[in-house]
Every structure is written in structure tokens, then in C-alpha cells.
Amino acid sequence: MSTGAASVLAWTGAATSVVAGLSLLGTGVIAQSRAATAADLASLAGADAVAVAHGRPCEVADEVAVRNGARLILCEQREWDVLVTVEVDASPLPAAAARSRAGPGPAELP
């Protein structure tokens, strides 16, 4: 094998590694974004359920999380606020998680 062919092979291997790394990074960024969106929507839906005196705001939050491709890990109602933690599959990486809180602003409390 000549030196030129070895150089081409080395550069091809390096380029392939960089592309694979960027692909994994992109997968992680997209999964984190999906988790954040699902968490925000789930907490907003739960807070809306609290505002209309729905008896189970965490069930509403769970349904919204599932519809957005996430799994509800934790849901807690604290007075008028709803706090959620969701998880989104990011295979082959570990799952991406996000947390969110929603509720009325201080001036909007009954």
C-alpha cells in the first residue's frame, strides 16, 4: 500500500468518526428538545386542569406527555402549580429528561 492510499484511508476513517459523532450529538439535542416541549405542554395541561377544578391534573399531564412521545416520570401538584418530569427515548443514547412547572402568576391567584 502506498503512502497516498494510507493517507486517504486515514482521512476517510477520521471523517466517518466525525460524522458518526455529530449524528449522535444531533440525536441527543433533538431528544432533549422533544423532552422539554413535552414537559412544558404536560405541565401547562395539568395547570389548566387545576384551574378548572379537574380532580386529577396528573392524569391530564400524563395523557399530554404520552401524546407528545414522552413518558411521565413524576407529577406533583403544589397548590395551584403542577410540576412534571418527563423522559424521551434517545436510542442509542440514554433517555433525555426534562422538568417543567406551570401555574397561575401571583396576580392571577383566586
PDB file of N, CA and C in Angstrom:
ATOM      1  N   MET A   1       0.853  -1.167   0.000  1.00  0.00           N
ATOM      2  CA  MET A   1       0.000   0.000   0.000  1.00  0.00           C
ATOM      3  C   MET A   1       0.901   1.232   0.000  1.00  0.00           C
ATOM      4  N   SER A   2       0.577   2.178  -0.848  1.00  0.00           N
ATOM      5  CA  SER A   2       1.397   3.390  -0.931  1.00  0.00           C
ATOM      6  C   SER A   2       0.999   4.375   0.157  1.00  0.00           C
ATOM      7  N   THR A   3       1.841   5.356   0.360  1.00  0.00           N
ATOM      8  CA  THR A   3       1.599   6.367   1.385  1.00  0.00           C
ATOM      9  C   THR A   3       0.339   7.161   1.079  1.00  0.00           C
ATOM     10  N   GLY A   4       0.087   7.463  -0.194  1.00  0.00           N
ATOM     11  CA  GLY A   4      -1.102   8.218  -0.588  1.00  0.00           C
ATOM     12  C   GLY A   4      -2.374   7.461  -0.251  1.00  0.00           C
ATOM     13  N   ALA A   5      -2.398   6.159  -0.494  1.00  0.00           N
ATOM     14  CA  ALA A   5      -3.582   5.347  -0.208  1.00  0.00           C
ATOM     15  C   ALA A   5      -3.818   5.250   1.296  1.00  0.00           C
ATOM     16  N   ALA A   6      -2.762   5.160   2.060  1.00  0.00           N
ATOM     17  CA  ALA A   6      -2.891   5.093   3.519  1.00  0.00           C
ATOM     18  C   ALA A   6      -3.430   6.405   4.064  1.00  0.00           C
ATOM     19  N   SER A   7      -2.990   7.522   3.490  1.00  0.00           N
ATOM     20  CA  SER A   7      -3.487   8.830   3.920  1.00  0.00           C
ATOM     21  C   SER A   7      -4.977   8.968   3.630  1.00  0.00           C
ATOM     22  N   VAL A   8      -5.386   8.537   2.443  1.00  0.00           N
ATOM     23  CA  VAL A   8      -6.801   8.603   2.075  1.00  0.00           C
ATOM     24  C   VAL A   8      -7.625   7.739   3.025  1.00  0.00           C
ATOM     25  N   LEU A   9      -7.122   6.555   3.336  1.00  0.00           N
ATOM     26  CA  LEU A   9      -7.824   5.661   4.245  1.00  0.00           C
ATOM     27  C   LEU A   9      -7.919   6.273   5.645  1.00  0.00           C
ATOM     28  N   ALA A  10      -6.858   6.898   6.117  1.00  0.00           N
ATOM     29  CA  ALA A  10      -6.866   7.526   7.446  1.00  0.00           C
ATOM     30  C   ALA A  10      -7.851   8.690   7.475  1.00  0.00           C
ATOM     31  N   TRP A  11      -7.851   9.533   6.435  1.00  0.00           N
ATOM     32  CA  TRP A  11      -8.775  10.663   6.382  1.00  0.00           C
ATOM     33  C   TRP A  11     -10.221  10.197   6.273  1.00  0.00           C
ATOM     34  N   THR A  12     -10.457   9.142   5.548  1.00  0.00           N
ATOM     35  CA  THR A  12     -11.805   8.591   5.424  1.00  0.00           C
ATOM     36  C   THR A  12     -12.294   8.077   6.775  1.00  0.00           C
ATOM     37  N   GLY A  13     -11.420   7.387   7.497  1.00  0.00           N
ATOM     38  CA  GLY A  13     -11.785   6.895   8.833  1.00  0.00           C
ATOM     39  C   GLY A  13     -12.059   8.032   9.791  1.00  0.00           C
ATOM     40  N   ALA A  14     -11.241   9.080   9.739  1.00  0.00           N
ATOM     41  CA  ALA A  14     -11.439  10.235  10.622  1.00  0.00           C
ATOM     42  C   ALA A  14     -12.744  10.954  10.285  1.00  0.00           C
ATOM     43  N   ALA A  15     -13.017  11.134   9.001  1.00  0.00           N
ATOM     44  CA  ALA A  15     -14.258  11.800   8.578  1.00  0.00           C
ATOM     45  C   ALA A  15     -15.477  10.991   8.998  1.00  0.00           C
ATOM     46  N   THR A  16     -15.399   9.678   8.874  1.00  0.00           N
ATOM     47  CA  THR A  16     -16.511   8.814   9.275  1.00  0.00           C
ATOM     48  C   THR A  16     -16.760   8.931  10.773  1.00  0.00           C
ATOM     49  N   SER A  17     -15.698   8.988  11.561  1.00  0.00           N
ATOM     50  CA  SER A  17     -15.846   9.134  13.018  1.00  0.00           C
ATOM     51  C   SER A  17     -16.480  10.469  13.381  1.00  0.00           C
ATOM     52  N   VAL A  18     -16.084  11.526  12.697  1.00  0.00           N
ATOM     53  CA  VAL A  18     -16.659  12.846  12.966  1.00  0.00           C
ATOM     54  C   VAL A  18     -18.141  12.868  12.614  1.00  0.00           C
ATOM     55  N   VAL A  19     -18.502  12.307  11.463  1.00  0.00           N
ATOM     56  CA  VAL A  19     -19.910  12.268  11.052  1.00  0.00           C
ATOM     57  C   VAL A  19     -20.729  11.451  12.043  1.00  0.00           C
ATOM     58  N   ALA A  20     -20.206  10.315  12.495  1.00  0.00           N
ATOM     59  CA  ALA A  20     -20.926   9.492  13.475  1.00  0.00           C
ATOM     60  C   ALA A  20     -21.094  10.250  14.791  1.00  0.00           C
ATOM     61  N   GLY A  21     -20.071  10.955  15.230  1.00  0.00           N
ATOM     62  CA  GLY A  21     -20.169  11.732  16.464  1.00  0.00           C
ATOM     63  C   GLY A  21     -21.181  12.850  16.355  1.00  0.00           C
ATOM     64  N   LEU A  22     -21.184  13.555  15.229  1.00  0.00           N
ATOM     65  CA  LEU A  22     -22.164  14.625  15.017  1.00  0.00           C
ATOM     66  C   LEU A  22     -23.587  14.075  14.941  1.00  0.00           C
ATOM     67  N   SER A  23     -23.736  12.906  14.379  1.00  0.00           N
ATOM     68  CA  SER A  23     -25.050  12.273  14.309  1.00  0.00           C
ATOM     69  C   SER A  23     -25.578  11.954  15.707  1.00  0.00           C
ATOM     70  N   LEU A  24     -24.716  11.414  16.569  1.00  0.00           N
ATOM     71  CA  LEU A  24     -25.118  11.129  17.952  1.00  0.00           C
ATOM     72  C   LEU A  24     -25.441  12.415  18.702  1.00  0.00           C
ATOM     73  N   LEU A  25     -24.642  13.444  18.483  1.00  0.00           N
ATOM     74  CA  LEU A  25     -24.899  14.729  19.122  1.00  0.00           C
ATOM     75  C   LEU A  25     -26.253  15.277  18.682  1.00  0.00           C
ATOM     76  N   GLY A  26     -26.545  15.191  17.401  1.00  0.00           N
ATOM     77  CA  GLY A  26     -27.843  15.645  16.889  1.00  0.00           C
ATOM     78  C   GLY A  26     -28.998  14.865  17.480  1.00  0.00           C
ATOM     79  N   THR A  27     -28.830  13.569  17.621  1.00  0.00           N
ATOM     80  CA  THR A  27     -29.868  12.738  18.227  1.00  0.00           C
ATOM     81  C   THR A  27     -30.137  13.171  19.657  1.00  0.00           C
ATOM     82  N   GLY A  28     -29.087  13.452  20.399  1.00  0.00           N
ATOM     83  CA  GLY A  28     -29.248  13.892  21.784  1.00  0.00           C
ATOM     84  C   GLY A  28     -29.913  15.253  21.890  1.00  0.00           C
ATOM     85  N   VAL A  29     -29.540  16.172  21.015  1.00  0.00           N
ATOM     86  CA  VAL A  29     -30.118  17.518  21.043  1.00  0.00           C
ATOM     87  C   VAL A  29     -31.604  17.468  20.691  1.00  0.00           C
ATOM     88  N   ILE A  30     -31.946  16.689  19.686  1.00  0.00           N
ATOM     89  CA  ILE A  30     -33.354  16.569  19.287  1.00  0.00           C
ATOM     90  C   ILE A  30     -34.170  15.917  20.399  1.00  0.00           C
ATOM     91  N   ALA A  31     -33.637  14.872  21.026  1.00  0.00           N
ATOM     92  CA  ALA A  31     -34.360  14.204  22.117  1.00  0.00           C
ATOM     93  C   ALA A  31     -34.554  15.151  23.295  1.00  0.00           C
ATOM     94  N   GLN A  32     -33.548  15.951  23.621  1.00  0.00           N
ATOM     95  CA  GLN A  32     -33.675  16.899  24.731  1.00  0.00           C
ATOM     96  C   GLN A  32     -34.721  17.957  24.414  1.00  0.00           C
ATOM     97  N   SER A  33     -34.760  18.404  23.176  1.00  0.00           N
ATOM     98  CA  SER A  33     -35.760  19.388  22.768  1.00  0.00           C
ATOM     99  C   SER A  33     -37.173  18.803  22.840  1.00  0.00           C
ATOM    100  N   ARG A  34     -37.326  17.560  22.392  1.00  0.00           N
ATOM    101  CA  ARG A  34     -38.636  16.896  22.472  1.00  0.00           C
ATOM    102  C   ARG A  34     -39.077  16.721  23.921  1.00  0.00           C
ATOM    103  N   ALA A  35     -38.127  16.380  24.796  1.00  0.00           N
ATOM    104  CA  ALA A  35     -38.452  16.208  26.218  1.00  0.00           C
ATOM    105  C   ALA A  35     -38.882  17.536  26.833  1.00  0.00           C
ATOM    106  N   ALA A  36     -38.177  18.615  26.524  1.00  0.00           N
ATOM    107  CA  ALA A  36     -38.528  19.926  27.070  1.00  0.00           C
ATOM    108  C   ALA A  36     -39.909  20.370  26.597  1.00  0.00           C
ATOM    109  N   THR A  37     -40.198  20.144  25.329  1.00  0.00           N
ATOM    110  CA  THR A  37     -41.515  20.512  24.790  1.00  0.00           C
ATOM    111  C   THR A  37     -42.618  19.701  25.454  1.00  0.00           C
ATOM    112  N   ALA A  38     -42.405  18.391  25.576  1.00  0.00           N
ATOM    113  CA  ALA A  38     -43.413  17.527  26.202  1.00  0.00           C
ATOM    114  C   ALA A  38     -43.623  17.910  27.665  1.00  0.00           C
ATOM    115  N   ALA A  39     -42.552  18.246  28.371  1.00  0.00           N
ATOM    116  CA  ALA A  39     -42.672  18.639  29.783  1.00  0.00           C
ATOM    117  C   ALA A  39     -43.457  19.942  29.911  1.00  0.00           C
ATOM    118  N   ASP A  40     -43.150  20.910  29.059  1.00  0.00           N
ATOM    119  CA  ASP A  40     -43.875  22.184  29.107  1.00  0.00           C
ATOM    120  C   ASP A  40     -45.360  21.991  28.831  1.00  0.00           C
ATOM    121  N   LEU A  41     -45.666  21.229  27.790  1.00  0.00           N
ATOM    122  CA  LEU A  41     -47.077  21.017  27.441  1.00  0.00           C
ATOM    123  C   LEU A  41     -47.816  20.229  28.525  1.00  0.00           C
ATOM    124  N   ALA A  42     -47.151  19.238  29.107  1.00  0.00           N
ATOM    125  CA  ALA A  42     -47.782  18.440  30.161  1.00  0.00           C
ATOM    126  C   ALA A  42     -48.058  19.280  31.403  1.00  0.00           C
ATOM    127  N   SER A  43     -47.099  20.122  31.794  1.00  0.00           N
ATOM    128  CA  SER A  43     -47.325  20.950  32.985  1.00  0.00           C
ATOM    129  C   SER A  43     -48.405  21.994  32.727  1.00  0.00           C
ATOM    130  N   LEU A  44     -48.438  22.558  31.534  1.00  0.00           N
ATOM    131  CA  LEU A  44     -49.498  23.512  31.200  1.00  0.00           C
ATOM    132  C   LEU A  44     -50.869  22.855  31.210  1.00  0.00           C
ATOM    133  N   ALA A  45     -50.953  21.651  30.668  1.00  0.00           N
ATOM    134  CA  ALA A  45     -52.233  20.941  30.672  1.00  0.00           C
ATOM    135  C   ALA A  45     -52.663  20.602  32.095  1.00  0.00           C
ATOM    136  N   GLY A  46     -51.716  20.180  32.924  1.00  0.00           N
ATOM    137  CA  GLY A  46     -52.029  19.893  34.325  1.00  0.00           C
ATOM    138  C   GLY A  46     -52.482  21.132  35.069  1.00  0.00           C
ATOM    139  N   ALA A  47     -51.814  22.258  34.846  1.00  0.00           N
ATOM    140  CA  ALA A  47     -52.198  23.511  35.497  1.00  0.00           C
ATOM    141  C   ALA A  47     -53.567  23.978  35.013  1.00  0.00           C
ATOM    142  N   ASP A  48     -53.849  23.775  33.745  1.00  0.00           N
ATOM    143  CA  ASP A  48     -55.169  24.123  33.215  1.00  0.00           C
ATOM    144  C   ASP A  48     -56.241  23.263  33.877  1.00  0.00           C
ATOM    145  N   ALA A  49     -55.928  21.982  34.094  1.00  0.00           N
ATOM    146  CA  ALA A  49     -56.874  21.092  34.764  1.00  0.00           C
ATOM    147  C   ALA A  49     -57.129  21.560  36.200  1.00  0.00           C
ATOM    148  N   VAL A  50     -56.089  22.021  36.885  1.00  0.00           N
ATOM    149  CA  VAL A  50     -56.256  22.551  38.244  1.00  0.00           C
ATOM    150  C   VAL A  50     -57.154  23.785  38.206  1.00  0.00           C
ATOM    151  N   ALA A  51     -56.932  24.641  37.228  1.00  0.00           N
ATOM    152  CA  ALA A  51     -57.692  25.892  37.129  1.00  0.00           C
ATOM    153  C   ALA A  51     -59.188  25.657  36.918  1.00  0.00           C
ATOM    154  N   VAL A  52     -59.552  24.548  36.263  1.00  0.00           N
ATOM    155  CA  VAL A  52     -60.972  24.266  36.036  1.00  0.00           C
ATOM    156  C   VAL A  52     -61.501  23.242  37.035  1.00  0.00           C
ATOM    157  N   ALA A  53     -60.742  23.034  38.114  1.00  0.00           N
ATOM    158  CA  ALA A  53     -61.134  22.135  39.212  1.00  0.00           C
ATOM    159  C   ALA A  53     -61.285  20.685  38.776  1.00  0.00           C
ATOM    160  N   HIS A  54     -60.442  20.252  37.836  1.00  0.00           N
ATOM    161  CA  HIS A  54     -60.405  18.841  37.440  1.00  0.00           C
ATOM    162  C   HIS A  54     -59.788  18.063  38.598  1.00  0.00           C
ATOM    163  N   GLY A  55     -60.345  16.929  38.926  1.00  0.00           N
ATOM    164  CA  GLY A  55     -59.903  16.174  40.094  1.00  0.00           C
ATOM    165  C   GLY A  55     -58.553  15.511  39.978  1.00  0.00           C
ATOM    166  N   ARG A  56     -58.064  15.287  38.751  1.00  0.00           N
ATOM    167  CA  ARG A  56     -56.806  14.551  38.569  1.00  0.00           C
ATOM    168  C   ARG A  56     -55.917  15.220  37.523  1.00  0.00           C
ATOM    169  N   PRO A  57     -55.274  16.306  37.883  1.00  0.00           N
ATOM    170  CA  PRO A  57     -54.444  17.022  36.903  1.00  0.00           C
ATOM    171  C   PRO A  57     -53.249  16.208  36.402  1.00  0.00           C
ATOM    172  N   CYS A  58     -52.740  15.289  37.229  1.00  0.00           N
ATOM    173  CA  CYS A  58     -51.598  14.490  36.791  1.00  0.00           C
ATOM    174  C   CYS A  58     -51.985  13.477  35.717  1.00  0.00           C
ATOM    175  N   GLU A  59     -53.223  13.023  35.724  1.00  0.00           N
ATOM    176  CA  GLU A  59     -53.685  12.150  34.644  1.00  0.00           C
ATOM    177  C   GLU A  59     -53.739  12.915  33.325  1.00  0.00           C
ATOM    178  N   VAL A  60     -54.176  14.163  33.400  1.00  0.00           N
ATOM    179  CA  VAL A  60     -54.209  15.014  32.206  1.00  0.00           C
ATOM    180  C   VAL A  60     -52.783  15.249  31.710  1.00  0.00           C
ATOM    181  N   ALA A  61     -51.864  15.544  32.630  1.00  0.00           N
ATOM    182  CA  ALA A  61     -50.467  15.766  32.266  1.00  0.00           C
ATOM    183  C   ALA A  61     -49.857  14.512  31.641  1.00  0.00           C
ATOM    184  N   ASP A  62     -50.187  13.345  32.178  1.00  0.00           N
ATOM    185  CA  ASP A  62     -49.680  12.086  31.639  1.00  0.00           C
ATOM    186  C   ASP A  62     -50.171  11.874  30.213  1.00  0.00           C
ATOM    187  N   GLU A  63     -51.441  12.124  29.973  1.00  0.00           N
ATOM    188  CA  GLU A  63     -52.010  11.942  28.632  1.00  0.00           C
ATOM    189  C   GLU A  63     -51.319  12.860  27.623  1.00  0.00           C
ATOM    190  N   VAL A  64     -51.072  14.093  28.009  1.00  0.00           N
ATOM    191  CA  VAL A  64     -50.405  15.042  27.114  1.00  0.00           C
ATOM    192  C   VAL A  64     -48.956  14.617  26.864  1.00  0.00           C
ATOM    193  N   ALA A  65     -48.269  14.152  27.890  1.00  0.00           N
ATOM    194  CA  ALA A  65     -46.890  13.690  27.714  1.00  0.00           C
ATOM    195  C   ALA A  65     -46.830  12.521  26.744  1.00  0.00           C
ATOM    196  N   VAL A  66     -47.724  11.558  26.904  1.00  0.00           N
ATOM    197  CA  VAL A  66     -47.746  10.388  26.019  1.00  0.00           C
ATOM    198  C   VAL A  66     -48.044  10.806  24.584  1.00  0.00           C
ATOM    199  N   ARG A  67     -48.975  11.730  24.409  1.00  0.00           N
ATOM    200  CA  ARG A  67     -49.310  12.204  23.047  1.00  0.00           C
ATOM    201  C   ARG A  67     -48.130  12.915  22.390  1.00  0.00           C
ATOM    202  N   ASN A  68     -47.193  13.375  23.193  1.00  0.00           N
ATOM    203  CA  ASN A  68     -46.011  14.048  22.661  1.00  0.00           C
ATOM    204  C   ASN A  68     -44.775  13.156  22.680  1.00  0.00           C
ATOM    205  N   GLY A  69     -44.982  11.862  22.785  1.00  0.00           N
ATOM    206  CA  GLY A  69     -43.886  10.904  22.684  1.00  0.00           C
ATOM    207  C   GLY A  69     -43.002  10.804  23.909  1.00  0.00           C
ATOM    208  N   ALA A  70     -43.526  11.199  25.057  1.00  0.00           N
ATOM    209  CA  ALA A  70     -42.734  11.162  26.288  1.00  0.00           C
ATOM    210  C   ALA A  70     -43.407  10.257  27.324  1.00  0.00           C
ATOM    211  N   ARG A  71     -42.661   9.954  28.349  1.00  0.00           N
ATOM    212  CA  ARG A  71     -43.167   9.148  29.463  1.00  0.00           C
ATOM    213  C   ARG A  71     -43.122  10.040  30.699  1.00  0.00           C
ATOM    214  N   LEU A  72     -44.253  10.163  31.385  1.00  0.00           N
ATOM    215  CA  LEU A  72     -44.316  10.972  32.600  1.00  0.00           C
ATOM    216  C   LEU A  72     -43.640  10.198  33.730  1.00  0.00           C
ATOM    217  N   ILE A  73     -42.592  10.770  34.287  1.00  0.00           N
ATOM    218  CA  ILE A  73     -41.833  10.129  35.363  1.00  0.00           C
ATOM    219  C   ILE A  73     -42.341  10.594  36.722  1.00  0.00           C
ATOM    220  N   LEU A  74     -42.637  11.883  36.825  1.00  0.00           N
ATOM    221  CA  LEU A  74     -43.062  12.459  38.098  1.00  0.00           C
ATOM    222  C   LEU A  74     -44.063  13.565  37.829  1.00  0.00           C
ATOM    223  N   CYS A  75     -45.105  13.610  38.640  1.00  0.00           N
ATOM    224  CA  CYS A  75     -46.077  14.697  38.567  1.00  0.00           C
ATOM    225  C   CYS A  75     -46.491  15.028  39.990  1.00  0.00           C
ATOM    226  N   GLU A  76     -46.470  16.313  40.294  1.00  0.00           N
ATOM    227  CA  GLU A  76     -46.809  16.752  41.638  1.00  0.00           C
ATOM    228  C   GLU A  76     -47.603  18.050  41.551  1.00  0.00           C
ATOM    229  N   GLN A  77     -48.689  18.103  42.314  1.00  0.00           N
ATOM    230  CA  GLN A  77     -49.459  19.338  42.397  1.00  0.00           C
ATOM    231  C   GLN A  77     -49.088  20.031  43.699  1.00  0.00           C
ATOM    232  N   ARG A  78     -48.650  21.282  43.590  1.00  0.00           N
ATOM    233  CA  ARG A  78     -48.345  22.096  44.771  1.00  0.00           C
ATOM    234  C   ARG A  78     -49.246  23.326  44.703  1.00  0.00           C
ATOM    235  N   GLU A  79     -50.284  23.278  45.498  1.00  0.00           N
ATOM    236  CA  GLU A  79     -51.309  24.318  45.489  1.00  0.00           C
ATOM    237  C   GLU A  79     -51.845  24.472  44.068  1.00  0.00           C
ATOM    238  N   TRP A  80     -51.576  25.616  43.408  1.00  0.00           N
ATOM    239  CA  TRP A  80     -52.102  25.861  42.060  1.00  0.00           C
ATOM    240  C   TRP A  80     -51.109  25.487  40.970  1.00  0.00           C
ATOM    241  N   ASP A  81     -49.903  25.072  41.340  1.00  0.00           N
ATOM    242  CA  ASP A  81     -48.866  24.723  40.365  1.00  0.00           C
ATOM    243  C   ASP A  81     -48.828  23.218  40.123  1.00  0.00           C
ATOM    244  N   VAL A  82     -48.402  22.858  38.923  1.00  0.00           N
ATOM    245  CA  VAL A  82     -48.185  21.452  38.582  1.00  0.00           C
ATOM    246  C   VAL A  82     -46.741  21.319  38.116  1.00  0.00           C
ATOM    247  N   LEU A  83     -46.008  20.412  38.753  1.00  0.00           N
ATOM    248  CA  LEU A  83     -44.612  20.150  38.414  1.00  0.00           C
ATOM    249  C   LEU A  83     -44.524  18.771  37.779  1.00  0.00           C
ATOM    250  N   VAL A  84     -43.841  18.665  36.643  1.00  0.00           N
ATOM    251  CA  VAL A  84     -43.712  17.377  35.969  1.00  0.00           C
ATOM    252  C   VAL A  84     -42.261  17.124  35.583  1.00  0.00           C
ATOM    253  N   THR A  85     -41.935  15.847  35.468  1.00  0.00           N
ATOM    254  CA  THR A  85     -40.674  15.394  34.891  1.00  0.00           C
ATOM    255  C   THR A  85     -41.037  14.335  33.861  1.00  0.00           C
ATOM    256  N   VAL A  86     -40.512  14.497  32.649  1.00  0.00           N
ATOM    257  CA  VAL A  86     -40.780  13.539  31.587  1.00  0.00           C
ATOM    258  C   VAL A  86     -39.468  13.001  31.039  1.00  0.00           C
ATOM    259  N   GLU A  87     -39.590  11.903  30.306  1.00  0.00           N
ATOM    260  CA  GLU A  87     -38.433  11.253  29.713  1.00  0.00           C
ATOM    261  C   GLU A  87     -38.779  10.874  28.272  1.00  0.00           C
ATOM    262  N   VAL A  88     -37.818  11.065  27.360  1.00  0.00           N
ATOM    263  CA  VAL A  88     -37.990  10.720  25.952  1.00  0.00           C
ATOM    264  C   VAL A  88     -36.869   9.767  25.555  1.00  0.00           C
ATOM    265  N   ASP A  89     -37.212   8.726  24.824  1.00  0.00           N
ATOM    266  CA  ASP A  89     -36.223   7.764  24.359  1.00  0.00           C
ATOM    267  C   ASP A  89     -35.274   8.446  23.375  1.00  0.00           C
ATOM    268  N   ALA A  90     -33.981   8.232  23.548  1.00  0.00           N
ATOM    269  CA  ALA A  90     -32.976   8.829  22.676  1.00  0.00           C
ATOM    270  C   ALA A  90     -32.011   7.768  22.162  1.00  0.00           C
ATOM    271  N   SER A  91     -32.507   6.575  21.883  1.00  0.00           N
ATOM    272  CA  SER A  91     -31.643   5.464  21.463  1.00  0.00           C
ATOM    273  C   SER A  91     -30.725   5.909  20.341  1.00  0.00           C
ATOM    274  N   PRO A  92     -29.491   5.529  20.394  1.00  0.00           N
ATOM    275  CA  PRO A  92     -28.779   4.629  21.298  1.00  0.00           C
ATOM    276  C   PRO A  92     -28.239   5.320  22.552  1.00  0.00           C
ATOM    277  N   LEU A  93     -28.540   6.584  22.726  1.00  0.00           N
ATOM    278  CA  LEU A  93     -28.095   7.324  23.906  1.00  0.00           C
ATOM    279  C   LEU A  93     -29.042   7.069  25.080  1.00  0.00           C
ATOM    280  N   PRO A  94     -28.638   7.469  26.291  1.00  0.00           N
ATOM    281  CA  PRO A  94     -29.573   7.382  27.421  1.00  0.00           C
ATOM    282  C   PRO A  94     -30.780   8.302  27.182  1.00  0.00           C
ATOM    283  N   ALA A  95     -31.872   7.994  27.831  1.00  0.00           N
ATOM    284  CA  ALA A  95     -33.092   8.788  27.669  1.00  0.00           C
ATOM    285  C   ALA A  95     -32.850  10.240  28.073  1.00  0.00           C
ATOM    286  N   ALA A  96     -33.533  11.141  27.378  1.00  0.00           N
ATOM    287  CA  ALA A  96     -33.446  12.574  27.691  1.00  0.00           C
ATOM    288  C   ALA A  96     -34.594  12.922  28.628  1.00  0.00           C
ATOM    289  N   ALA A  97     -34.302  13.662  29.674  1.00  0.00           N
ATOM    290  CA  ALA A  97     -35.324  14.040  30.649  1.00  0.00           C
ATOM    291  C   ALA A  97     -35.441  15.557  30.711  1.00  0.00           C
ATOM    292  N   ALA A  98     -36.636  16.024  31.092  1.00  0.00           N
ATOM    293  CA  ALA A  98     -36.860  17.457  31.264  1.00  0.00           C
ATOM    294  C   ALA A  98     -37.902  17.663  32.349  1.00  0.00           C
ATOM    295  N   ARG A  99     -37.799  18.820  33.013  1.00  0.00           N
ATOM    296  CA  ARG A  99     -38.748  19.178  34.065  1.00  0.00           C
ATOM    297  C   ARG A  99     -39.420  20.485  33.705  1.00  0.00           C
ATOM    298  N   SER A 100     -40.646  20.660  34.200  1.00  0.00           N
ATOM    299  CA  SER A 100     -41.362  21.899  33.940  1.00  0.00           C
ATOM    300  C   SER A 100     -42.351  22.165  35.073  1.00  0.00           C
ATOM    301  N   ARG A 101     -42.658  23.449  35.276  1.00  0.00           N
ATOM    302  CA  ARG A 101     -43.645  23.861  36.264  1.00  0.00           C
ATOM    303  C   ARG A 101     -44.563  24.862  35.600  1.00  0.00           C
ATOM    304  N   ALA A 102     -45.850  24.726  35.856  1.00  0.00           N
ATOM    305  CA  ALA A 102     -46.817  25.679  35.322  1.00  0.00           C
ATOM    306  C   ALA A 102     -47.884  25.954  36.365  1.00  0.00           C
ATOM    307  N   GLY A 103     -48.397  27.139  36.322  1.00  0.00           N
ATOM    308  CA  GLY A 103     -49.446  27.550  37.238  1.00  0.00           C
ATOM    309  C   GLY A 103     -49.734  29.018  37.025  1.00  0.00           C
ATOM    310  N   PRO A 104     -50.710  29.542  37.699  1.00  0.00           N
ATOM    311  CA  PRO A 104     -51.032  30.956  37.506  1.00  0.00           C
ATOM    312  C   PRO A 104     -49.953  31.854  38.099  1.00  0.00           C
ATOM    313  N   GLY A 105     -49.856  33.049  37.540  1.00  0.00           N
ATOM    314  CA  GLY A 105     -48.935  34.031  38.096  1.00  0.00           C
ATOM    315  C   GLY A 105     -49.486  34.547  39.419  1.00  0.00           C
ATOM    316  N   PRO A 106     -48.661  35.216  40.224  1.00  0.00           N
ATOM    317  CA  PRO A 106     -49.116  35.689  41.542  1.00  0.00           C
ATOM    318  C   PRO A 106     -50.367  36.565  41.482  1.00  0.00           C
ATOM    319  N   ALA A 107     -50.494  37.376  40.452  1.00  0.00           N
ATOM    320  CA  ALA A 107     -51.673  38.264  40.345  1.00  0.00           C
ATOM    321  C   ALA A 107     -52.922  37.533  39.912  1.00  0.00           C
ATOM    322  N   GLU A 108     -52.759  36.307  39.416  1.00  0.00           N
ATOM    323  CA  GLU A 108     -53.897  35.555  38.881  1.00  0.00           C
ATOM    324  C   GLU A 108     -54.495  34.565  39.869  1.00  0.00           C
ATOM    325  N   LEU A 109     -53.947  34.452  41.062  1.00  0.00           N
ATOM    326  CA  LEU A 109     -54.475  33.510  42.038  1.00  0.00           C
ATOM    327  C   LEU A 109     -55.858  33.944  42.508  1.00  0.00           C
ATOM    328  N   PRO A 110     -56.732  32.969  42.721  1.00  0.00           N
ATOM    329  CA  PRO A 110     -58.090  33.309  43.166  1.00  0.00           C
ATOM    330  C   PRO A 110     -58.109  33.857  44.587  1.00  0.00           C
TER     331      PRO A 110
END
